[in-house]
Amino acid sequence: MNMLAATILLTQLHCAPSPSGSVDCWDAAKGGAPVLKVEPNLLGGFDLRQSDGKLVRCEKKASGETECRVVQEGRRQ
């Protein structure tokens, strides 16, 4: 299983590829509104861009685990 598939399973989101090549994901419990985009990053991992502006960067470690960290906080509500 690749990192993207593992992340999608863990977060319980419904995702589909977009025409631009990224992946759009929706939280069905929140009425189907888009909550994030999954984009490959230059480090071989992926970035999760959430609808509130938060950016989470995920990278695969040598152990095979995926490590994610917030690299940009979202907008305050």
PDB file of N, CA and C in Angstrom:
ATOM      1  N   MET A   1       0.854  -1.174   0.000  1.00  0.00           N
ATOM      2  CA  MET A   1       0.000   0.000   0.000  1.00  0.00           C
ATOM      3  C   MET A   1       0.901   1.239   0.000  1.00  0.00           C
ATOM      4  N   ASN A   2       0.602   2.210  -0.852  1.00  0.00           N
ATOM      5  CA  ASN A   2       1.431   3.420  -0.893  1.00  0.00           C
ATOM      6  C   ASN A   2       1.003   4.406   0.190  1.00  0.00           C
ATOM      7  N   MET A   3       1.830   5.439   0.379  1.00  0.00           N
ATOM      8  CA  MET A   3       1.574   6.420   1.450  1.00  0.00           C
ATOM      9  C   MET A   3       0.237   7.114   1.265  1.00  0.00           C
ATOM     10  N   LEU A   4      -0.110   7.463   0.037  1.00  0.00           N
ATOM     11  CA  LEU A   4      -1.364   8.163  -0.218  1.00  0.00           C
ATOM     12  C   LEU A   4      -2.549   7.296   0.180  1.00  0.00           C
ATOM     13  N   ALA A   5      -2.521   6.044  -0.224  1.00  0.00           N
ATOM     14  CA  ALA A   5      -3.622   5.145   0.116  1.00  0.00           C
ATOM     15  C   ALA A   5      -3.725   4.963   1.623  1.00  0.00           C
ATOM     16  N   ALA A   6      -2.590   4.829   2.293  1.00  0.00           N
ATOM     17  CA  ALA A   6      -2.602   4.669   3.745  1.00  0.00           C
ATOM     18  C   ALA A   6      -3.187   5.899   4.419  1.00  0.00           C
ATOM     19  N   THR A   7      -2.819   7.076   3.947  1.00  0.00           N
ATOM     20  CA  THR A   7      -3.342   8.307   4.534  1.00  0.00           C
ATOM     21  C   THR A   7      -4.844   8.407   4.316  1.00  0.00           C
ATOM     22  N   ILE A   8      -5.304   8.084   3.129  1.00  0.00           N
ATOM     23  CA  ILE A   8      -6.732   8.168   2.839  1.00  0.00           C
ATOM     24  C   ILE A   8      -7.506   7.205   3.729  1.00  0.00           C
ATOM     25  N   LEU A   9      -6.984   5.991   3.923  1.00  0.00           N
ATOM     26  CA  LEU A   9      -7.660   5.040   4.793  1.00  0.00           C
ATOM     27  C   LEU A   9      -7.686   5.527   6.230  1.00  0.00           C
ATOM     28  N   LEU A  10      -6.585   6.094   6.704  1.00  0.00           N
ATOM     29  CA  LEU A  10      -6.516   6.553   8.085  1.00  0.00           C
ATOM     30  C   LEU A  10      -7.437   7.728   8.347  1.00  0.00           C
ATOM     31  N   THR A  11      -7.572   8.616   7.397  1.00  0.00           N
ATOM     32  CA  THR A  11      -8.377   9.809   7.622  1.00  0.00           C
ATOM     33  C   THR A  11      -9.841   9.612   7.265  1.00  0.00           C
ATOM     34  N   GLN A  12     -10.194   8.483   6.648  1.00  0.00           N
ATOM     35  CA  GLN A  12     -11.569   8.168   6.295  1.00  0.00           C
ATOM     36  C   GLN A  12     -12.194   9.226   5.391  1.00  0.00           C
ATOM     37  N   LEU A  13     -11.461   9.652   4.394  1.00  0.00           N
ATOM     38  CA  LEU A  13     -11.961  10.623   3.429  1.00  0.00           C
ATOM     39  C   LEU A  13     -12.316   9.927   2.131  1.00  0.00           C
ATOM     40  N   HIS A  14     -13.179  10.554   1.370  1.00  0.00           N
ATOM     41  CA  HIS A  14     -13.502  10.083   0.035  1.00  0.00           C
ATOM     42  C   HIS A  14     -12.711  10.948  -0.938  1.00  0.00           C
ATOM     43  N   CYS A  15     -11.897  10.334  -1.789  1.00  0.00           N
ATOM     44  CA  CYS A  15     -10.996  11.084  -2.665  1.00  0.00           C
ATOM     45  C   CYS A  15     -11.177  10.682  -4.119  1.00  0.00           C
ATOM     46  N   ALA A  16     -10.864  11.621  -5.009  1.00  0.00           N
ATOM     47  CA  ALA A  16     -10.918  11.369  -6.445  1.00  0.00           C
ATOM     48  C   ALA A  16      -9.879  12.245  -7.136  1.00  0.00           C
ATOM     49  N   PRO A  17      -9.266  11.739  -8.216  1.00  0.00           N
ATOM     50  CA  PRO A  17      -8.299  12.566  -8.950  1.00  0.00           C
ATOM     51  C   PRO A  17      -9.001  13.739  -9.630  1.00  0.00           C
ATOM     52  N   SER A  18      -8.319  14.870  -9.697  1.00  0.00           N
ATOM     53  CA  SER A  18      -8.871  16.045 -10.374  1.00  0.00           C
ATOM     54  C   SER A  18      -8.232  16.164 -11.752  1.00  0.00           C
ATOM     55  N   PRO A  19      -8.824  16.956 -12.649  1.00  0.00           N
ATOM     56  CA  PRO A  19      -8.246  17.141 -13.985  1.00  0.00           C
ATOM     57  C   PRO A  19      -6.838  17.732 -13.960  1.00  0.00           C
ATOM     58  N   SER A  20      -6.481  18.460 -12.899  1.00  0.00           N
ATOM     59  CA  SER A  20      -5.156  19.084 -12.825  1.00  0.00           C
ATOM     60  C   SER A  20      -4.070  18.101 -12.401  1.00  0.00           C
ATOM     61  N   GLY A  21      -4.447  16.880 -12.007  1.00  0.00           N
ATOM     62  CA  GLY A  21      -3.470  15.883 -11.599  1.00  0.00           C
ATOM     63  C   GLY A  21      -3.346  15.714 -10.104  1.00  0.00           C
ATOM     64  N   SER A  22      -3.969  16.597  -9.324  1.00  0.00           N
ATOM     65  CA  SER A  22      -3.950  16.435  -7.871  1.00  0.00           C
ATOM     66  C   SER A  22      -5.114  15.523  -7.473  1.00  0.00           C
ATOM     67  N   VAL A  23      -5.266  15.297  -6.195  1.00  0.00           N
ATOM     68  CA  VAL A  23      -6.361  14.473  -5.686  1.00  0.00           C
ATOM     69  C   VAL A  23      -7.210  15.333  -4.765  1.00  0.00           C
ATOM     70  N   ASP A  24      -8.501  15.400  -5.030  1.00  0.00           N
ATOM     71  CA  ASP A  24      -9.418  16.150  -4.172  1.00  0.00           C
ATOM     72  C   ASP A  24     -10.091  15.180  -3.214  1.00  0.00           C
ATOM     73  N   CYS A  25     -10.195  15.577  -1.942  1.00  0.00           N
ATOM     74  CA  CYS A  25     -10.804  14.721  -0.924  1.00  0.00           C
ATOM     75  C   CYS A  25     -11.948  15.449  -0.236  1.00  0.00           C
ATOM     76  N   TRP A  26     -12.963  14.677   0.166  1.00  0.00           N
ATOM     77  CA  TRP A  26     -14.133  15.223   0.836  1.00  0.00           C
ATOM     78  C   TRP A  26     -14.407  14.437   2.092  1.00  0.00           C
ATOM     79  N   ASP A  27     -14.912  15.116   3.098  1.00  0.00           N
ATOM     80  CA  ASP A  27     -15.361  14.474   4.323  1.00  0.00           C
ATOM     81  C   ASP A  27     -16.871  14.323   4.204  1.00  0.00           C
ATOM     82  N   ALA A  28     -17.332  13.112   3.999  1.00  0.00           N
ATOM     83  CA  ALA A  28     -18.760  12.873   3.784  1.00  0.00           C
ATOM     84  C   ALA A  28     -19.588  13.304   4.985  1.00  0.00           C
ATOM     85  N   ALA A  29     -19.013  13.266   6.179  1.00  0.00           N
ATOM     86  CA  ALA A  29     -19.740  13.663   7.385  1.00  0.00           C
ATOM     87  C   ALA A  29     -19.980  15.167   7.438  1.00  0.00           C
ATOM     88  N   LYS A  30     -19.256  15.936   6.635  1.00  0.00           N
ATOM     89  CA  LYS A  30     -19.418  17.392   6.623  1.00  0.00           C
ATOM     90  C   LYS A  30     -20.131  17.850   5.354  1.00  0.00           C
ATOM     91  N   GLY A  31     -21.000  17.036   4.820  1.00  0.00           N
ATOM     92  CA  GLY A  31     -21.801  17.418   3.678  1.00  0.00           C
ATOM     93  C   GLY A  31     -21.084  17.331   2.343  1.00  0.00           C
ATOM     94  N   GLY A  32     -19.937  16.698   2.294  1.00  0.00           N
ATOM     95  CA  GLY A  32     -19.232  16.511   1.040  1.00  0.00           C
ATOM     96  C   GLY A  32     -18.391  17.689   0.600  1.00  0.00           C
ATOM     97  N   ALA A  33     -18.204  18.690   1.446  1.00  0.00           N
ATOM     98  CA  ALA A  33     -17.371  19.841   1.074  1.00  0.00           C
ATOM     99  C   ALA A  33     -15.910  19.422   0.981  1.00  0.00           C
ATOM    100  N   PRO A  34     -15.173  19.951  -0.015  1.00  0.00           N
ATOM    101  CA  PRO A  34     -13.747  19.614  -0.108  1.00  0.00           C
ATOM    102  C   PRO A  34     -13.005  20.091   1.138  1.00  0.00           C
ATOM    103  N   VAL A  35     -12.209  19.221   1.724  1.00  0.00           N
ATOM    104  CA  VAL A  35     -11.473  19.600   2.923  1.00  0.00           C
ATOM    105  C   VAL A  35      -9.975  19.658   2.699  1.00  0.00           C
ATOM    106  N   LEU A  36      -9.454  19.024   1.665  1.00  0.00           N
ATOM    107  CA  LEU A  36      -8.020  19.099   1.426  1.00  0.00           C
ATOM    108  C   LEU A  36      -7.664  18.639   0.022  1.00  0.00           C
ATOM    109  N   LYS A  37      -6.468  18.983  -0.379  1.00  0.00           N
ATOM    110  CA  LYS A  37      -5.893  18.472  -1.621  1.00  0.00           C
ATOM    111  C   LYS A  37      -4.638  17.708  -1.253  1.00  0.00           C
ATOM    112  N   VAL A  38      -4.392  16.607  -1.925  1.00  0.00           N
ATOM    113  CA  VAL A  38      -3.189  15.822  -1.729  1.00  0.00           C
ATOM    114  C   VAL A  38      -2.312  16.051  -2.948  1.00  0.00           C
ATOM    115  N   GLU A  39      -1.113  16.595  -2.714  1.00  0.00           N
ATOM    116  CA  GLU A  39      -0.209  16.927  -3.817  1.00  0.00           C
ATOM    117  C   GLU A  39       1.158  16.330  -3.549  1.00  0.00           C
ATOM    118  N   PRO A  40       1.807  15.744  -4.557  1.00  0.00           N
ATOM    119  CA  PRO A  40       3.179  15.268  -4.351  1.00  0.00           C
ATOM    120  C   PRO A  40       4.101  16.448  -4.066  1.00  0.00           C
ATOM    121  N   ASN A  41       5.109  16.242  -3.200  1.00  0.00           N
ATOM    122  CA  ASN A  41       6.068  17.313  -2.941  1.00  0.00           C
ATOM    123  C   ASN A  41       7.444  16.924  -3.484  1.00  0.00           C
ATOM    124  N   LEU A  42       8.370  17.852  -3.452  1.00  0.00           N
ATOM    125  CA  LEU A  42       9.696  17.632  -4.025  1.00  0.00           C
ATOM    126  C   LEU A  42      10.548  16.679  -3.199  1.00  0.00           C
ATOM    127  N   LEU A  43      10.114  16.339  -2.003  1.00  0.00           N
ATOM    128  CA  LEU A  43      10.884  15.468  -1.120  1.00  0.00           C
ATOM    129  C   LEU A  43      10.485  14.002  -1.255  1.00  0.00           C
ATOM    130  N   GLY A  44       9.618  13.699  -2.217  1.00  0.00           N
ATOM    131  CA  GLY A  44       9.186  12.321  -2.420  1.00  0.00           C
ATOM    132  C   GLY A  44       7.984  11.923  -1.590  1.00  0.00           C
ATOM    133  N   GLY A  45       7.465  12.829  -0.814  1.00  0.00           N
ATOM    134  CA  GLY A  45       6.275  12.568  -0.013  1.00  0.00           C
ATOM    135  C   GLY A  45       5.081  13.277  -0.620  1.00  0.00           C
ATOM    136  N   PHE A  46       4.205  13.779   0.240  1.00  0.00           N
ATOM    137  CA  PHE A  46       3.043  14.509  -0.250  1.00  0.00           C
ATOM    138  C   PHE A  46       2.648  15.582   0.742  1.00  0.00           C
ATOM    139  N   ASP A  47       1.960  16.609   0.238  1.00  0.00           N
ATOM    140  CA  ASP A  47       1.453  17.709   1.048  1.00  0.00           C
ATOM    141  C   ASP A  47      -0.064  17.626   1.085  1.00  0.00           C
ATOM    142  N   LEU A  48      -0.637  17.862   2.245  1.00  0.00           N
ATOM    143  CA  LEU A  48      -2.083  17.925   2.415  1.00  0.00           C
ATOM    144  C   LEU A  48      -2.459  19.385   2.598  1.00  0.00           C
ATOM    145  N   ARG A  49      -3.163  19.954   1.640  1.00  0.00           N
ATOM    146  CA  ARG A  49      -3.614  21.346   1.725  1.00  0.00           C
ATOM    147  C   ARG A  49      -5.077  21.335   2.145  1.00  0.00           C
ATOM    148  N   GLN A  50      -5.313  21.777   3.367  1.00  0.00           N
ATOM    149  CA  GLN A  50      -6.664  21.741   3.906  1.00  0.00           C
ATOM    150  C   GLN A  50      -7.415  23.021   3.574  1.00  0.00           C
ATOM    151  N   SER A  51      -8.748  22.938   3.572  1.00  0.00           N
ATOM    152  CA  SER A  51      -9.572  24.077   3.178  1.00  0.00           C
ATOM    153  C   SER A  51      -9.420  25.269   4.114  1.00  0.00           C
ATOM    154  N   ASP A  52      -8.946  25.058   5.346  1.00  0.00           N
ATOM    155  CA  ASP A  52      -8.745  26.175   6.273  1.00  0.00           C
ATOM    156  C   ASP A  52      -7.381  26.828   6.103  1.00  0.00           C
ATOM    157  N   GLY A  53      -6.595  26.377   5.124  1.00  0.00           N
ATOM    158  CA  GLY A  53      -5.293  26.973   4.856  1.00  0.00           C
ATOM    159  C   GLY A  53      -4.125  26.235   5.485  1.00  0.00           C
ATOM    160  N   LYS A  54      -4.387  25.236   6.319  1.00  0.00           N
ATOM    161  CA  LYS A  54      -3.305  24.482   6.965  1.00  0.00           C
ATOM    162  C   LYS A  54      -2.600  23.604   5.926  1.00  0.00           C
ATOM    163  N   LEU A  55      -1.270  23.550   6.011  1.00  0.00           N
ATOM    164  CA  LEU A  55      -0.468  22.708   5.125  1.00  0.00           C
ATOM    165  C   LEU A  55       0.248  21.670   5.974  1.00  0.00           C
ATOM    166  N   VAL A  56      -0.001  20.401   5.683  1.00  0.00           N
ATOM    167  CA  VAL A  56       0.628  19.293   6.396  1.00  0.00           C
ATOM    168  C   VAL A  56       1.532  18.565   5.412  1.00  0.00           C
ATOM    169  N   ARG A  57       2.801  18.391   5.773  1.00  0.00           N
ATOM    170  CA  ARG A  57       3.768  17.709   4.906  1.00  0.00           C
ATOM    171  C   ARG A  57       4.021  16.310   5.458  1.00  0.00           C
ATOM    172  N   CYS A  58       3.900  15.303   4.592  1.00  0.00           N
ATOM    173  CA  CYS A  58       4.107  13.913   4.988  1.00  0.00           C
ATOM    174  C   CYS A  58       5.255  13.318   4.186  1.00  0.00           C
ATOM    175  N   GLU A  59       6.117  12.577   4.885  1.00  0.00           N
ATOM    176  CA  GLU A  59       7.267  11.933   4.254  1.00  0.00           C
ATOM    177  C   GLU A  59       7.406  10.529   4.812  1.00  0.00           C
ATOM    178  N   LYS A  60       7.877   9.613   3.973  1.00  0.00           N
ATOM    179  CA  LYS A  60       8.100   8.247   4.415  1.00  0.00           C
ATOM    180  C   LYS A  60       9.486   8.143   5.033  1.00  0.00           C
ATOM    181  N   LYS A  61       9.556   7.606   6.255  1.00  0.00           N
ATOM    182  CA  LYS A  61      10.828   7.436   6.947  1.00  0.00           C
ATOM    183  C   LYS A  61      11.475   6.120   6.509  1.00  0.00           C
ATOM    184  N   ALA A  62      12.770   5.953   6.817  1.00  0.00           N
ATOM    185  CA  ALA A  62      13.501   4.741   6.454  1.00  0.00           C
ATOM    186  C   ALA A  62      12.852   3.492   7.050  1.00  0.00           C
ATOM    187  N   SER A  63      12.189   3.638   8.191  1.00  0.00           N
ATOM    188  CA  SER A  63      11.534   2.505   8.852  1.00  0.00           C
ATOM    189  C   SER A  63      10.270   2.056   8.121  1.00  0.00           C
ATOM    190  N   GLY A  64       9.822   2.866   7.146  1.00  0.00           N
ATOM    191  CA  GLY A  64       8.600   2.550   6.418  1.00  0.00           C
ATOM    192  C   GLY A  64       7.378   3.281   6.940  1.00  0.00           C
ATOM    193  N   GLU A  65       7.503   3.918   8.109  1.00  0.00           N
ATOM    194  CA  GLU A  65       6.394   4.690   8.664  1.00  0.00           C
ATOM    195  C   GLU A  65       6.272   6.018   7.933  1.00  0.00           C
ATOM    196  N   THR A  66       5.075   6.563   7.915  1.00  0.00           N
ATOM    197  CA  THR A  66       4.855   7.881   7.337  1.00  0.00           C
ATOM    198  C   THR A  66       4.796   8.894   8.467  1.00  0.00           C
ATOM    199  N   GLU A  67       5.585   9.954   8.348  1.00  0.00           N
ATOM    200  CA  GLU A  67       5.627  11.007   9.363  1.00  0.00           C
ATOM    201  C   GLU A  67       5.041  12.280   8.767  1.00  0.00           C
ATOM    202  N   CYS A  68       4.083  12.876   9.459  1.00  0.00           N
ATOM    203  CA  CYS A  68       3.446  14.104   8.984  1.00  0.00           C
ATOM    204  C   CYS A  68       3.619  15.206  10.018  1.00  0.00           C
ATOM    205  N   ARG A  69       3.774  16.434   9.533  1.00  0.00           N
ATOM    206  CA  ARG A  69       3.901  17.585  10.433  1.00  0.00           C
ATOM    207  C   ARG A  69       3.251  18.799   9.778  1.00  0.00           C
ATOM    208  N   VAL A  70       2.723  19.685  10.600  1.00  0.00           N
ATOM    209  CA  VAL A  70       2.123  20.923  10.109  1.00  0.00           C
ATOM    210  C   VAL A  70       3.253  21.883   9.774  1.00  0.00           C
ATOM    211  N   VAL A  71       3.290  22.379   8.536  1.00  0.00           N
ATOM    212  CA  VAL A  71       4.324  23.331   8.136  1.00  0.00           C
ATOM    213  C   VAL A  71       3.759  24.731   7.945  1.00  0.00           C
ATOM    214  N   GLN A  72       2.432  24.854   7.924  1.00  0.00           N
ATOM    215  CA  GLN A  72       1.787  26.169   7.829  1.00  0.00           C
ATOM    216  C   GLN A  72       0.443  26.084   8.527  1.00  0.00           C
ATOM    217  N   GLU A  73       0.221  26.970   9.485  1.00  0.00           N
ATOM    218  CA  GLU A  73      -1.056  26.989  10.201  1.00  0.00           C
ATOM    219  C   GLU A  73      -2.145  27.583   9.315  1.00  0.00           C
ATOM    220  N   GLY A  74      -3.372  27.177   9.565  1.00  0.00           N
ATOM    221  CA  GLY A  74      -4.500  27.681   8.807  1.00  0.00           C
ATOM    222  C   GLY A  74      -4.982  29.024   9.312  1.00  0.00           C
ATOM    223  N   ARG A  75      -5.999  29.536   8.638  1.00  0.00           N
ATOM    224  CA  ARG A  75      -6.620  30.803   9.042  1.00  0.00           C
ATOM    225  C   ARG A  75      -7.388  30.597  10.334  1.00  0.00           C
ATOM    226  N   ARG A  76      -7.386  31.608  11.169  1.00  0.00           N
ATOM    227  CA  ARG A  76      -8.163  31.563  12.420  1.00  0.00           C
ATOM    228  C   ARG A  76      -9.618  31.860  12.098  1.00  0.00           C
ATOM    229  N   GLN A  77     -10.521  31.116  12.716  1.00  0.00           N
ATOM    230  CA  GLN A  77     -11.957  31.300  12.470  1.00  0.00           C
ATOM    231  C   GLN A  77     -12.531  32.313  13.421  1.00  0.00           C
TER     232      GLN A  77
END
